[in-house]
Amino acid sequence: MLVGGCAGNSAKSTAAPQTSTTSTTAAPTATASPMTTEELAWLKAISKLHETIDKPFNVSNLNMTRAKMVELGNVFRACSRELARIGPPSDRLQPVYVSVQKACRIYDKGAKCFATAARVSDVSGAVVAGSPEERTQKQAMDCGLAAQGDGGNQLADAEAQGEDIRAAVG
């Protein structure tokens, strides 16, 4: 809101100092325009990305061979690549985009961890018990699996933000 006075008026202003009360992450009001086809498609692409990343983990038995570790790392790296392909969304979906970027950074770290685990493992995914490779592999696998959970949670949060924005604009 802009507060102005009359020229020559010597009365002291009682207006509060100018501060912004608008948050860049605030959801649009109900009077905002409905979501565009492009915005809806962008949100759908983010949900599809989440499904794609989660898919290799949604099995009853995950046999961690070296090839599987490499595959999981590649799946994680796909987050940043796919987000770049999808591109940035409209201004009102920027908070969602920031959350997805954060998820992709988590996945990128997890990809490095799976690459480390694969590097110290034999073809079957085994290492010599008690060896430095075993410690390295355990730490790297823990890191990669943590990234799967943390990145997935971050993507779920991003999807929820998108739904909140969608609900707010009707």
Protein backbone atom coordinates (compact mmCIF):
# COMPACT_ATOMS: atom_id res chain seq x y z
CA MET A 1 0.00 0.00 0.00
CA LEU A 2 1.32 3.45 -0.87
CA VAL A 3 0.78 6.24 1.64
CA GLY A 4 1.13 9.77 0.38
CA GLY A 5 0.62 13.21 1.85
CA CYS A 6 -0.26 16.63 0.58
CA ALA A 7 2.55 18.92 -0.41
CA GLY A 8 3.31 21.48 2.23
CA ASN A 9 1.62 19.47 5.00
CA SER A 10 3.85 19.64 8.04
CA ALA A 11 2.02 16.98 10.05
CA LYS A 12 4.18 14.10 11.12
CA SER A 13 3.38 10.82 9.38
CA THR A 14 2.04 8.05 11.58
CA ALA A 15 2.53 5.45 8.88
CA ALA A 16 4.66 2.49 9.87
CA PRO A 17 8.02 2.10 8.17
CA GLN A 18 7.76 0.38 4.81
CA THR A 19 8.18 -3.33 5.24
CA SER A 20 7.07 -6.13 3.04
CA THR A 21 4.53 -8.52 4.48
CA THR A 22 4.34 -10.59 1.34
CA SER A 23 6.17 -13.89 1.47
CA THR A 24 7.62 -15.30 -1.73
CA THR A 25 6.35 -18.69 -0.66
CA ALA A 26 2.81 -17.61 0.18
CA ALA A 27 0.09 -19.48 -1.64
CA PRO A 28 -2.01 -17.44 -4.05
CA THR A 29 -5.35 -16.19 -2.84
CA ALA A 30 -8.63 -17.61 -4.05
CA THR A 31 -8.98 -14.61 -6.37
CA ALA A 32 -5.94 -15.70 -8.41
CA SER A 33 -6.52 -17.04 -11.87
CA PRO A 34 -7.00 -20.79 -12.31
CA MET A 35 -3.97 -22.93 -13.05
CA THR A 36 -2.99 -23.01 -16.69
CA THR A 37 -2.62 -26.17 -18.75
CA GLU A 38 1.15 -25.64 -18.66
CA GLU A 39 1.18 -25.34 -14.87
CA LEU A 40 -0.89 -28.50 -14.47
CA ALA A 41 1.40 -30.34 -16.89
CA TRP A 42 4.45 -29.15 -14.94
CA LEU A 43 3.00 -30.46 -11.68
CA LYS A 44 2.13 -33.75 -13.35
CA ALA A 45 5.71 -34.04 -14.65
CA ILE A 46 7.03 -33.61 -11.11
CA SER A 47 4.75 -36.38 -9.85
CA LYS A 48 5.89 -38.62 -12.70
CA LEU A 49 9.53 -37.85 -11.83
CA HIS A 50 8.88 -38.90 -8.23
CA GLU A 51 7.28 -42.17 -9.38
CA THR A 52 10.21 -42.89 -11.70
CA ILE A 53 12.78 -42.37 -8.96
CA ASP A 54 10.84 -44.47 -6.43
CA LYS A 55 10.11 -47.35 -8.82
CA PRO A 56 13.39 -49.32 -8.46
CA PHE A 57 13.02 -49.20 -4.66
CA ASN A 58 9.46 -50.54 -4.68
CA VAL A 59 10.42 -54.18 -4.88
CA SER A 60 10.16 -56.88 -2.24
CA ASN A 61 13.81 -57.86 -2.50
CA LEU A 62 16.48 -55.38 -3.59
CA ASN A 63 19.61 -57.36 -4.51
CA MET A 64 22.46 -54.85 -4.25
CA THR A 65 24.83 -55.99 -6.93
CA ARG A 66 27.35 -53.56 -8.37
CA ALA A 67 25.10 -53.16 -11.42
CA LYS A 68 22.11 -52.35 -9.17
CA MET A 69 24.15 -49.74 -7.29
CA VAL A 70 25.12 -48.11 -10.58
CA GLU A 71 21.49 -48.25 -11.76
CA LEU A 72 20.22 -46.59 -8.58
CA GLY A 73 22.84 -43.87 -8.91
CA ASN A 74 21.72 -43.25 -12.48
CA VAL A 75 18.08 -43.07 -11.38
CA PHE A 76 19.03 -40.46 -8.79
CA ARG A 77 21.04 -38.43 -11.33
CA ALA A 78 17.98 -38.38 -13.57
CA CYS A 79 16.27 -36.00 -11.15
CA SER A 80 18.44 -33.01 -12.07
CA ARG A 81 18.44 -33.94 -15.76
CA GLU A 82 14.68 -34.31 -15.88
CA LEU A 83 14.08 -31.11 -13.94
CA ALA A 84 16.29 -29.27 -16.44
CA ARG A 85 14.30 -30.83 -19.29
CA ILE A 86 10.96 -29.90 -17.70
CA GLY A 87 12.23 -26.38 -17.06
CA PRO A 88 11.17 -23.81 -14.52
CA PRO A 89 7.47 -23.27 -13.89
CA SER A 90 5.39 -20.12 -13.65
CA ASP A 91 6.05 -17.60 -10.90
CA ARG A 92 3.39 -18.96 -8.59
CA LEU A 93 4.91 -22.46 -8.73
CA GLN A 94 8.43 -21.23 -7.89
CA PRO A 95 8.21 -22.48 -4.27
CA VAL A 96 7.50 -25.96 -5.63
CA TYR A 97 10.43 -25.66 -8.03
CA VAL A 98 12.77 -24.71 -5.17
CA SER A 99 11.65 -27.80 -3.24
CA VAL A 100 12.19 -30.05 -6.25
CA GLN A 101 15.67 -28.56 -6.76
CA LYS A 102 16.45 -29.39 -3.13
CA ALA A 103 15.25 -32.98 -3.67
CA CYS A 104 17.45 -33.28 -6.75
CA ARG A 105 20.48 -32.06 -4.77
CA ILE A 106 19.77 -34.77 -2.19
CA TYR A 107 19.50 -37.35 -4.96
CA ASP A 108 22.72 -36.10 -6.57
CA LYS A 109 24.51 -36.74 -3.28
CA GLY A 110 22.92 -40.19 -3.10
CA ALA A 111 24.08 -40.94 -6.64
CA LYS A 112 27.67 -40.22 -5.59
CA CYS A 113 27.24 -42.50 -2.61
CA PHE A 114 25.95 -45.37 -4.76
CA ALA A 115 28.85 -44.81 -7.17
CA THR A 116 31.28 -45.11 -4.25
CA ALA A 117 29.61 -48.30 -3.04
CA ALA A 118 29.76 -49.78 -6.54
CA ARG A 119 33.43 -48.83 -6.91
CA VAL A 120 34.50 -50.81 -3.82
CA SER A 121 32.23 -53.81 -4.50
CA ASP A 122 32.78 -56.85 -6.66
CA VAL A 123 30.30 -57.76 -9.39
CA SER A 124 27.97 -59.48 -6.92
CA GLY A 125 28.07 -56.45 -4.60
CA ALA A 126 30.24 -58.18 -2.03
CA VAL A 127 33.28 -56.88 -0.18
CA VAL A 128 35.76 -58.64 2.10
CA ALA A 129 34.48 -58.69 5.69
CA GLY A 130 36.42 -56.39 7.99
CA SER A 131 38.18 -54.62 5.12
CA PRO A 132 38.35 -50.87 4.53
CA GLU A 133 36.15 -51.51 1.49
CA GLU A 134 33.46 -52.96 3.74
CA ARG A 135 33.40 -49.81 5.87
CA THR A 136 33.37 -47.61 2.77
CA GLN A 137 30.59 -49.64 1.19
CA LYS A 138 28.45 -49.57 4.35
CA GLN A 139 28.79 -45.80 4.73
CA ALA A 140 28.09 -45.25 1.04
CA MET A 141 25.06 -47.56 1.02
CA ASP A 142 23.66 -45.91 4.14
CA CYS A 143 24.15 -42.52 2.46
CA GLY A 144 22.49 -43.66 -0.79
CA LEU A 145 19.51 -45.21 0.97
CA ALA A 146 19.11 -42.15 3.20
CA ALA A 147 19.04 -40.00 0.05
CA GLN A 148 16.23 -42.15 -1.29
CA GLY A 149 14.14 -41.45 1.82
CA ASP A 150 15.11 -37.80 2.26
CA GLY A 151 14.81 -36.97 -1.45
CA GLY A 152 11.49 -38.78 -1.66
CA ASN A 153 10.18 -36.87 1.34
CA GLN A 154 11.32 -33.60 -0.22
CA LEU A 155 9.58 -34.46 -3.50
CA ALA A 156 6.42 -35.40 -1.59
CA ASP A 157 6.57 -32.02 0.14
CA ALA A 158 6.95 -30.32 -3.24
CA GLU A 159 3.94 -32.19 -4.59
CA ALA A 160 1.92 -31.17 -1.53
CA GLN A 161 2.94 -27.52 -2.07
CA GLY A 162 1.72 -27.80 -5.65
CA GLU A 163 -1.59 -29.24 -4.51
CA ASP A 164 -1.99 -26.45 -1.94
CA ILE A 165 -1.43 -23.83 -4.62
CA ARG A 166 -3.82 -25.62 -6.97
CA ALA A 167 -6.50 -25.78 -4.27
CA ALA A 168 -6.03 -22.11 -3.42
CA VAL A 169 -6.71 -20.97 -6.96
CA GLY A 170 -9.54 -23.39 -7.58
